Amino acid sequence: IVLFILLWLIRKKKMFDGLLIGIYIVGYGFMRFFIEFFREPDYQLGFVLGFMSMGQVLCLLMMMAGITVIAWRKQVAT
């Protein structure tokens, strides 16, 4: 709900194409990262990197992908 409200408020003020999808990808990954702390890690995988589960690692990759989309689209727009 928080992510939807944030995107709704930014939609008219967007500075370049691709900003909203980038914010969505980063925001979704960020929220899922913290939700994964409350989930039990997969039985066959356990914790992959110290205290992080595979879901958290994938969420970090998702956030990096969103930041990459924002940077790439901003560069293309200028």
PDB file of N, CA and C in Angstrom:
ATOM      1  N   ILE A   1       0.835  -1.186   0.000  1.00  0.00           N
ATOM      2  CA  ILE A   1       0.000   0.000   0.000  1.00  0.00           C
ATOM      3  C   ILE A   1       0.879   1.248   0.000  1.00  0.00           C
ATOM      4  N   VAL A   2       1.949   1.225   0.795  1.00  0.00           N
ATOM      5  CA  VAL A   2       2.851   2.377   0.868  1.00  0.00           C
ATOM      6  C   VAL A   2       3.496   2.623  -0.494  1.00  0.00           C
ATOM      7  N   LEU A   3       3.917   1.569  -1.149  1.00  0.00           N
ATOM      8  CA  LEU A   3       4.550   1.701  -2.459  1.00  0.00           C
ATOM      9  C   LEU A   3       3.562   2.253  -3.484  1.00  0.00           C
ATOM     10  N   PHE A   4       2.324   1.785  -3.446  1.00  0.00           N
ATOM     11  CA  PHE A   4       1.298   2.283  -4.359  1.00  0.00           C
ATOM     12  C   PHE A   4       1.070   3.777  -4.154  1.00  0.00           C
ATOM     13  N   ILE A   5       0.966   4.206  -2.903  1.00  0.00           N
ATOM     14  CA  ILE A   5       0.748   5.628  -2.608  1.00  0.00           C
ATOM     15  C   ILE A   5       1.930   6.458  -3.102  1.00  0.00           C
ATOM     16  N   LEU A   6       3.138   5.976  -2.870  1.00  0.00           N
ATOM     17  CA  LEU A   6       4.331   6.687  -3.335  1.00  0.00           C
ATOM     18  C   LEU A   6       4.321   6.829  -4.858  1.00  0.00           C
ATOM     19  N   LEU A   7       4.032   5.756  -5.551  1.00  0.00           N
ATOM     20  CA  LEU A   7       3.992   5.805  -7.015  1.00  0.00           C
ATOM     21  C   LEU A   7       2.869   6.709  -7.509  1.00  0.00           C
ATOM     22  N   TRP A   8       1.738   6.695  -6.817  1.00  0.00           N
ATOM     23  CA  TRP A   8       0.598   7.534  -7.190  1.00  0.00           C
ATOM     24  C   TRP A   8       0.954   9.016  -7.062  1.00  0.00           C
ATOM     25  N   LEU A   9       1.686   9.368  -6.024  1.00  0.00           N
ATOM     26  CA  LEU A   9       2.064  10.766  -5.816  1.00  0.00           C
ATOM     27  C   LEU A   9       3.130  11.226  -6.811  1.00  0.00           C
ATOM     28  N   ILE A  10       3.993  10.319  -7.229  1.00  0.00           N
ATOM     29  CA  ILE A  10       5.094  10.679  -8.124  1.00  0.00           C
ATOM     30  C   ILE A  10       4.669  10.676  -9.588  1.00  0.00           C
ATOM     31  N   ARG A  11       3.590  10.005  -9.923  1.00  0.00           N
ATOM     32  CA  ARG A  11       3.240   9.762 -11.325  1.00  0.00           C
ATOM     33  C   ARG A  11       3.141  11.030 -12.160  1.00  0.00           C
ATOM     34  N   LYS A  12       2.646  12.128 -11.615  1.00  0.00           N
ATOM     35  CA  LYS A  12       2.503  13.371 -12.379  1.00  0.00           C
ATOM     36  C   LYS A  12       3.796  14.179 -12.406  1.00  0.00           C
ATOM     37  N   LYS A  13       4.695  13.894 -11.462  1.00  0.00           N
ATOM     38  CA  LYS A  13       5.922  14.670 -11.341  1.00  0.00           C
ATOM     39  C   LYS A  13       7.122  13.958 -11.945  1.00  0.00           C
ATOM     40  N   LYS A  14       6.877  12.881 -12.634  1.00  0.00           N
ATOM     41  CA  LYS A  14       8.010  12.098 -13.140  1.00  0.00           C
ATOM     42  C   LYS A  14       8.892  12.956 -14.043  1.00  0.00           C
ATOM     43  N   MET A  15      10.179  12.769 -13.889  1.00  0.00           N
ATOM     44  CA  MET A  15      11.135  13.597 -14.608  1.00  0.00           C
ATOM     45  C   MET A  15      11.561  12.980 -15.933  1.00  0.00           C
ATOM     46  N   PHE A  16      11.472  11.674 -16.069  1.00  0.00           N
ATOM     47  CA  PHE A  16      11.876  11.013 -17.306  1.00  0.00           C
ATOM     48  C   PHE A  16      11.187   9.659 -17.383  1.00  0.00           C
ATOM     49  N   ASP A  17      11.091   9.132 -18.601  1.00  0.00           N
ATOM     50  CA  ASP A  17      10.481   7.820 -18.811  1.00  0.00           C
ATOM     51  C   ASP A  17      11.308   6.750 -18.113  1.00  0.00           C
ATOM     52  N   GLY A  18      10.631   5.832 -17.469  1.00  0.00           N
ATOM     53  CA  GLY A  18      11.304   4.738 -16.783  1.00  0.00           C
ATOM     54  C   GLY A  18      11.491   4.970 -15.297  1.00  0.00           C
ATOM     55  N   LEU A  19      11.219   6.192 -14.818  1.00  0.00           N
ATOM     56  CA  LEU A  19      11.413   6.486 -13.398  1.00  0.00           C
ATOM     57  C   LEU A  19      10.450   5.678 -12.532  1.00  0.00           C
ATOM     58  N   LEU A  20       9.181   5.628 -12.923  1.00  0.00           N
ATOM     59  CA  LEU A  20       8.200   4.921 -12.092  1.00  0.00           C
ATOM     60  C   LEU A  20       8.491   3.427 -12.002  1.00  0.00           C
ATOM     61  N   ILE A  21       8.850   2.807 -13.104  1.00  0.00           N
ATOM     62  CA  ILE A  21       9.139   1.369 -13.047  1.00  0.00           C
ATOM     63  C   ILE A  21      10.393   1.109 -12.230  1.00  0.00           C
ATOM     64  N   GLY A  22      11.369   1.999 -12.333  1.00  0.00           N
ATOM     65  CA  GLY A  22      12.577   1.856 -11.523  1.00  0.00           C
ATOM     66  C   GLY A  22      12.281   1.981 -10.043  1.00  0.00           C
ATOM     67  N   ILE A  23      11.452   2.964  -9.681  1.00  0.00           N
ATOM     68  CA  ILE A  23      11.073   3.138  -8.277  1.00  0.00           C
ATOM     69  C   ILE A  23      10.280   1.935  -7.796  1.00  0.00           C
ATOM     70  N   TYR A  24       9.399   1.403  -8.657  1.00  0.00           N
ATOM     71  CA  TYR A  24       8.624   0.226  -8.279  1.00  0.00           C
ATOM     72  C   TYR A  24       9.538  -0.968  -8.004  1.00  0.00           C
ATOM     73  N   ILE A  25      10.501  -1.204  -8.878  1.00  0.00           N
ATOM     74  CA  ILE A  25      11.396  -2.351  -8.713  1.00  0.00           C
ATOM     75  C   ILE A  25      12.217  -2.211  -7.436  1.00  0.00           C
ATOM     76  N   VAL A  26      12.758  -1.014  -7.196  1.00  0.00           N
ATOM     77  CA  VAL A  26      13.543  -0.782  -5.978  1.00  0.00           C
ATOM     78  C   VAL A  26      12.656  -0.919  -4.745  1.00  0.00           C
ATOM     79  N   GLY A  27      11.480  -0.297  -4.776  1.00  0.00           N
ATOM     80  CA  GLY A  27      10.579  -0.337  -3.623  1.00  0.00           C
ATOM     81  C   GLY A  27      10.079  -1.734  -3.311  1.00  0.00           C
ATOM     82  N   TYR A  28       9.719  -2.487  -4.341  1.00  0.00           N
ATOM     83  CA  TYR A  28       9.247  -3.848  -4.135  1.00  0.00           C
ATOM     84  C   TYR A  28      10.358  -4.719  -3.560  1.00  0.00           C
ATOM     85  N   GLY A  29      11.547  -4.582  -4.112  1.00  0.00           N
ATOM     86  CA  GLY A  29      12.682  -5.344  -3.591  1.00  0.00           C
ATOM     87  C   GLY A  29      13.001  -4.978  -2.150  1.00  0.00           C
ATOM     88  N   PHE A  30      12.923  -3.688  -1.827  1.00  0.00           N
ATOM     89  CA  PHE A  30      13.191  -3.209  -0.473  1.00  0.00           C
ATOM     90  C   PHE A  30      12.190  -3.794   0.525  1.00  0.00           C
ATOM     91  N   MET A  31      10.904  -3.736   0.171  1.00  0.00           N
ATOM     92  CA  MET A  31       9.874  -4.263   1.079  1.00  0.00           C
ATOM     93  C   MET A  31       9.987  -5.775   1.231  1.00  0.00           C
ATOM     94  N   ARG A  32      10.228  -6.478   0.127  1.00  0.00           N
ATOM     95  CA  ARG A  32      10.376  -7.930   0.206  1.00  0.00           C
ATOM     96  C   ARG A  32      11.595  -8.334   1.015  1.00  0.00           C
ATOM     97  N   PHE A  33      12.673  -7.539   0.944  1.00  0.00           N
ATOM     98  CA  PHE A  33      13.883  -7.830   1.691  1.00  0.00           C
ATOM     99  C   PHE A  33      13.569  -7.924   3.182  1.00  0.00           C
ATOM    100  N   PHE A  34      12.802  -6.970   3.691  1.00  0.00           N
ATOM    101  CA  PHE A  34      12.482  -6.987   5.114  1.00  0.00           C
ATOM    102  C   PHE A  34      11.422  -8.020   5.469  1.00  0.00           C
ATOM    103  N   ILE A  35      10.513  -8.300   4.560  1.00  0.00           N
ATOM    104  CA  ILE A  35       9.524  -9.350   4.798  1.00  0.00           C
ATOM    105  C   ILE A  35      10.218 -10.708   4.911  1.00  0.00           C
ATOM    106  N   GLU A  36      11.281 -10.903   4.155  1.00  0.00           N
ATOM    107  CA  GLU A  36      12.018 -12.169   4.176  1.00  0.00           C
ATOM    108  C   GLU A  36      12.653 -12.455   5.537  1.00  0.00           C
ATOM    109  N   PHE A  37      12.872 -11.431   6.368  1.00  0.00           N
ATOM    110  CA  PHE A  37      13.398 -11.667   7.716  1.00  0.00           C
ATOM    111  C   PHE A  37      12.418 -12.488   8.557  1.00  0.00           C
ATOM    112  N   PHE A  38      11.126 -12.368   8.274  1.00  0.00           N
ATOM    113  CA  PHE A  38      10.106 -13.051   9.056  1.00  0.00           C
ATOM    114  C   PHE A  38       9.738 -14.413   8.492  1.00  0.00           C
ATOM    115  N   ARG A  39      10.210 -14.724   7.313  1.00  0.00           N
ATOM    116  CA  ARG A  39       9.936 -16.020   6.704  1.00  0.00           C
ATOM    117  C   ARG A  39      11.025 -17.013   7.063  1.00  0.00           C
ATOM    118  N   GLU A  40      10.641 -18.249   7.105  1.00  0.00           N
ATOM    119  CA  GLU A  40      11.612 -19.329   7.319  1.00  0.00           C
ATOM    120  C   GLU A  40      12.363 -19.553   6.011  1.00  0.00           C
ATOM    121  N   PRO A  41      13.684 -19.660   6.055  1.00  0.00           N
ATOM    122  CA  PRO A  41      14.421 -19.906   4.807  1.00  0.00           C
ATOM    123  C   PRO A  41      14.060 -21.272   4.224  1.00  0.00           C
ATOM    124  N   ASP A  42      14.244 -21.403   2.933  1.00  0.00           N
ATOM    125  CA  ASP A  42      13.959 -22.671   2.271  1.00  0.00           C
ATOM    126  C   ASP A  42      14.760 -23.790   2.920  1.00  0.00           C
ATOM    127  N   TYR A  43      14.112 -24.925   3.098  1.00  0.00           N
ATOM    128  CA  TYR A  43      14.736 -26.061   3.777  1.00  0.00           C
ATOM    129  C   TYR A  43      16.005 -26.510   3.066  1.00  0.00           C
ATOM    130  N   GLN A  44      15.944 -26.614   1.743  1.00  0.00           N
ATOM    131  CA  GLN A  44      17.089 -27.131   0.998  1.00  0.00           C
ATOM    132  C   GLN A  44      18.212 -26.110   0.858  1.00  0.00           C
ATOM    133  N   LEU A  45      17.926 -24.819   1.056  1.00  0.00           N
ATOM    134  CA  LEU A  45      18.952 -23.790   0.891  1.00  0.00           C
ATOM    135  C   LEU A  45      19.474 -23.240   2.209  1.00  0.00           C
ATOM    136  N   GLY A  46      18.574 -23.017   3.149  1.00  0.00           N
ATOM    137  CA  GLY A  46      18.977 -22.397   4.409  1.00  0.00           C
ATOM    138  C   GLY A  46      19.411 -20.959   4.176  1.00  0.00           C
ATOM    139  N   PHE A  47      20.374 -20.519   4.955  1.00  0.00           N
ATOM    140  CA  PHE A  47      20.908 -19.176   4.773  1.00  0.00           C
ATOM    141  C   PHE A  47      22.051 -19.247   3.771  1.00  0.00           C
ATOM    142  N   VAL A  48      22.014 -18.391   2.779  1.00  0.00           N
ATOM    143  CA  VAL A  48      22.978 -18.452   1.686  1.00  0.00           C
ATOM    144  C   VAL A  48      24.223 -17.630   2.001  1.00  0.00           C
ATOM    145  N   LEU A  49      24.036 -16.385   2.373  1.00  0.00           N
ATOM    146  CA  LEU A  49      25.158 -15.490   2.680  1.00  0.00           C
ATOM    147  C   LEU A  49      25.067 -15.053   4.137  1.00  0.00           C
ATOM    148  N   GLY A  50      25.643 -15.810   5.015  1.00  0.00           N
ATOM    149  CA  GLY A  50      25.607 -15.454   6.436  1.00  0.00           C
ATOM    150  C   GLY A  50      24.201 -15.500   6.991  1.00  0.00           C
ATOM    151  N   PHE A  51      23.614 -14.330   7.219  1.00  0.00           N
ATOM    152  CA  PHE A  51      22.275 -14.248   7.801  1.00  0.00           C
ATOM    153  C   PHE A  51      21.200 -14.035   6.743  1.00  0.00           C
ATOM    154  N   MET A  52      21.572 -14.009   5.468  1.00  0.00           N
ATOM    155  CA  MET A  52      20.605 -13.704   4.412  1.00  0.00           C
ATOM    156  C   MET A  52      20.137 -14.972   3.705  1.00  0.00           C
ATOM    157  N   SER A  53      18.825 -15.020   3.482  1.00  0.00           N
ATOM    158  CA  SER A  53      18.251 -16.143   2.745  1.00  0.00           C
ATOM    159  C   SER A  53      18.365 -15.878   1.247  1.00  0.00           C
ATOM    160  N   MET A  54      18.040 -16.878   0.453  1.00  0.00           N
ATOM    161  CA  MET A  54      18.081 -16.717  -0.998  1.00  0.00           C
ATOM    162  C   MET A  54      17.109 -15.626  -1.436  1.00  0.00           C
ATOM    163  N   GLY A  55      15.954 -15.538  -0.786  1.00  0.00           N
ATOM    164  CA  GLY A  55      14.988 -14.489  -1.111  1.00  0.00           C
ATOM    165  C   GLY A  55      15.570 -13.100  -0.905  1.00  0.00           C
ATOM    166  N   GLN A  56      16.333 -12.916   0.163  1.00  0.00           N
ATOM    167  CA  GLN A  56      16.938 -11.613   0.422  1.00  0.00           C
ATOM    168  C   GLN A  56      18.027 -11.297  -0.598  1.00  0.00           C
ATOM    169  N   VAL A  57      18.795 -12.290  -0.975  1.00  0.00           N
ATOM    170  CA  VAL A  57      19.822 -12.081  -2.000  1.00  0.00           C
ATOM    171  C   VAL A  57      19.162 -11.665  -3.314  1.00  0.00           C
ATOM    172  N   LEU A  58      18.074 -12.341  -3.676  1.00  0.00           N
ATOM    173  CA  LEU A  58      17.366 -11.992  -4.903  1.00  0.00           C
ATOM    174  C   LEU A  58      16.753 -10.601  -4.816  1.00  0.00           C
ATOM    175  N   CYS A  59      16.286 -10.216  -3.635  1.00  0.00           N
ATOM    176  CA  CYS A  59      15.738  -8.869  -3.453  1.00  0.00           C
ATOM    177  C   CYS A  59      16.822  -7.809  -3.600  1.00  0.00           C
ATOM    178  N   LEU A  60      18.021  -8.092  -3.123  1.00  0.00           N
ATOM    179  CA  LEU A  60      19.133  -7.154  -3.319  1.00  0.00           C
ATOM    180  C   LEU A  60      19.439  -6.993  -4.808  1.00  0.00           C
ATOM    181  N   LEU A  61      19.419  -8.101  -5.532  1.00  0.00           N
ATOM    182  CA  LEU A  61      19.628  -8.034  -6.980  1.00  0.00           C
ATOM    183  C   LEU A  61      18.518  -7.234  -7.657  1.00  0.00           C
ATOM    184  N   MET A  62      17.289  -7.405  -7.176  1.00  0.00           N
ATOM    185  CA  MET A  62      16.164  -6.666  -7.725  1.00  0.00           C
ATOM    186  C   MET A  62      16.333  -5.166  -7.491  1.00  0.00           C
ATOM    187  N   MET A  63      16.771  -4.783  -6.287  1.00  0.00           N
ATOM    188  CA  MET A  63      16.986  -3.370  -5.995  1.00  0.00           C
ATOM    189  C   MET A  63      18.102  -2.802  -6.873  1.00  0.00           C
ATOM    190  N   MET A  64      19.155  -3.567  -7.081  1.00  0.00           N
ATOM    191  CA  MET A  64      20.240  -3.102  -7.953  1.00  0.00           C
ATOM    192  C   MET A  64      19.748  -2.957  -9.395  1.00  0.00           C
ATOM    193  N   ALA A  65      18.878  -3.865  -9.827  1.00  0.00           N
ATOM    194  CA  ALA A  65      18.318  -3.769 -11.174  1.00  0.00           C
ATOM    195  C   ALA A  65      17.463  -2.513 -11.309  1.00  0.00           C
ATOM    196  N   GLY A  66      16.671  -2.198 -10.292  1.00  0.00           N
ATOM    197  CA  GLY A  66      15.857  -0.985 -10.326  1.00  0.00           C
ATOM    198  C   GLY A  66      16.700   0.273 -10.378  1.00  0.00           C
ATOM    199  N   ILE A  67      17.769   0.303  -9.610  1.00  0.00           N
ATOM    200  CA  ILE A  67      18.680   1.454  -9.634  1.00  0.00           C
ATOM    201  C   ILE A  67      19.340   1.569 -11.007  1.00  0.00           C
ATOM    202  N   THR A  68      19.675   0.433 -11.599  1.00  0.00           N
ATOM    203  CA  THR A  68      20.264   0.431 -12.939  1.00  0.00           C
ATOM    204  C   THR A  68      19.281   0.974 -13.968  1.00  0.00           C
ATOM    205  N   VAL A  69      18.015   0.571 -13.871  1.00  0.00           N
ATOM    206  CA  VAL A  69      16.990   1.074 -14.795  1.00  0.00           C
ATOM    207  C   VAL A  69      16.860   2.586 -14.659  1.00  0.00           C
ATOM    208  N   ILE A  70      16.814   3.087 -13.429  1.00  0.00           N
ATOM    209  CA  ILE A  70      16.685   4.530 -13.212  1.00  0.00           C
ATOM    210  C   ILE A  70      17.883   5.265 -13.801  1.00  0.00           C
ATOM    211  N   ALA A  71      19.086   4.789 -13.515  1.00  0.00           N
ATOM    212  CA  ALA A  71      20.290   5.459 -14.020  1.00  0.00           C
ATOM    213  C   ALA A  71      20.355   5.413 -15.543  1.00  0.00           C
ATOM    214  N   TRP A  72      20.018   4.268 -16.116  1.00  0.00           N
ATOM    215  CA  TRP A  72      20.065   4.109 -17.567  1.00  0.00           C
ATOM    216  C   TRP A  72      19.056   5.016 -18.257  1.00  0.00           C
ATOM    217  N   ARG A  73      17.813   5.019 -17.759  1.00  0.00           N
ATOM    218  CA  ARG A  73      16.776   5.839 -18.387  1.00  0.00           C
ATOM    219  C   ARG A  73      17.041   7.329 -18.193  1.00  0.00           C
ATOM    220  N   LYS A  74      17.634   7.692 -17.075  1.00  0.00           N
ATOM    221  CA  LYS A  74      17.978   9.096 -16.852  1.00  0.00           C
ATOM    222  C   LYS A  74      19.070   9.528 -17.825  1.00  0.00           C
ATOM    223  N   GLN A  75      20.032   8.648 -18.060  1.00  0.00           N
ATOM    224  CA  GLN A  75      21.109   8.962 -18.995  1.00  0.00           C
ATOM    225  C   GLN A  75      20.569   9.077 -20.416  1.00  0.00           C
ATOM    226  N   VAL A  76      19.641   8.210 -20.793  1.00  0.00           N
ATOM    227  CA  VAL A  76      19.056   8.252 -22.131  1.00  0.00           C
ATOM    228  C   VAL A  76      18.230   9.526 -22.313  1.00  0.00           C
ATOM    229  N   ALA A  77      17.571   9.982 -21.247  1.00  0.00           N
ATOM    230  CA  ALA A  77      16.709  11.163 -21.322  1.00  0.00           C
ATOM    231  C   ALA A  77      17.504  12.452 -21.482  1.00  0.00           C
ATOM    232  N   THR A  78      18.761  12.451 -21.051  1.00  0.00           N
ATOM    233  CA  THR A  78      19.548  13.694 -21.144  1.00  0.00           C
ATOM    234  C   THR A  78      20.371  13.758 -22.400  1.00  0.00           C
TER     235      THR A  78
END
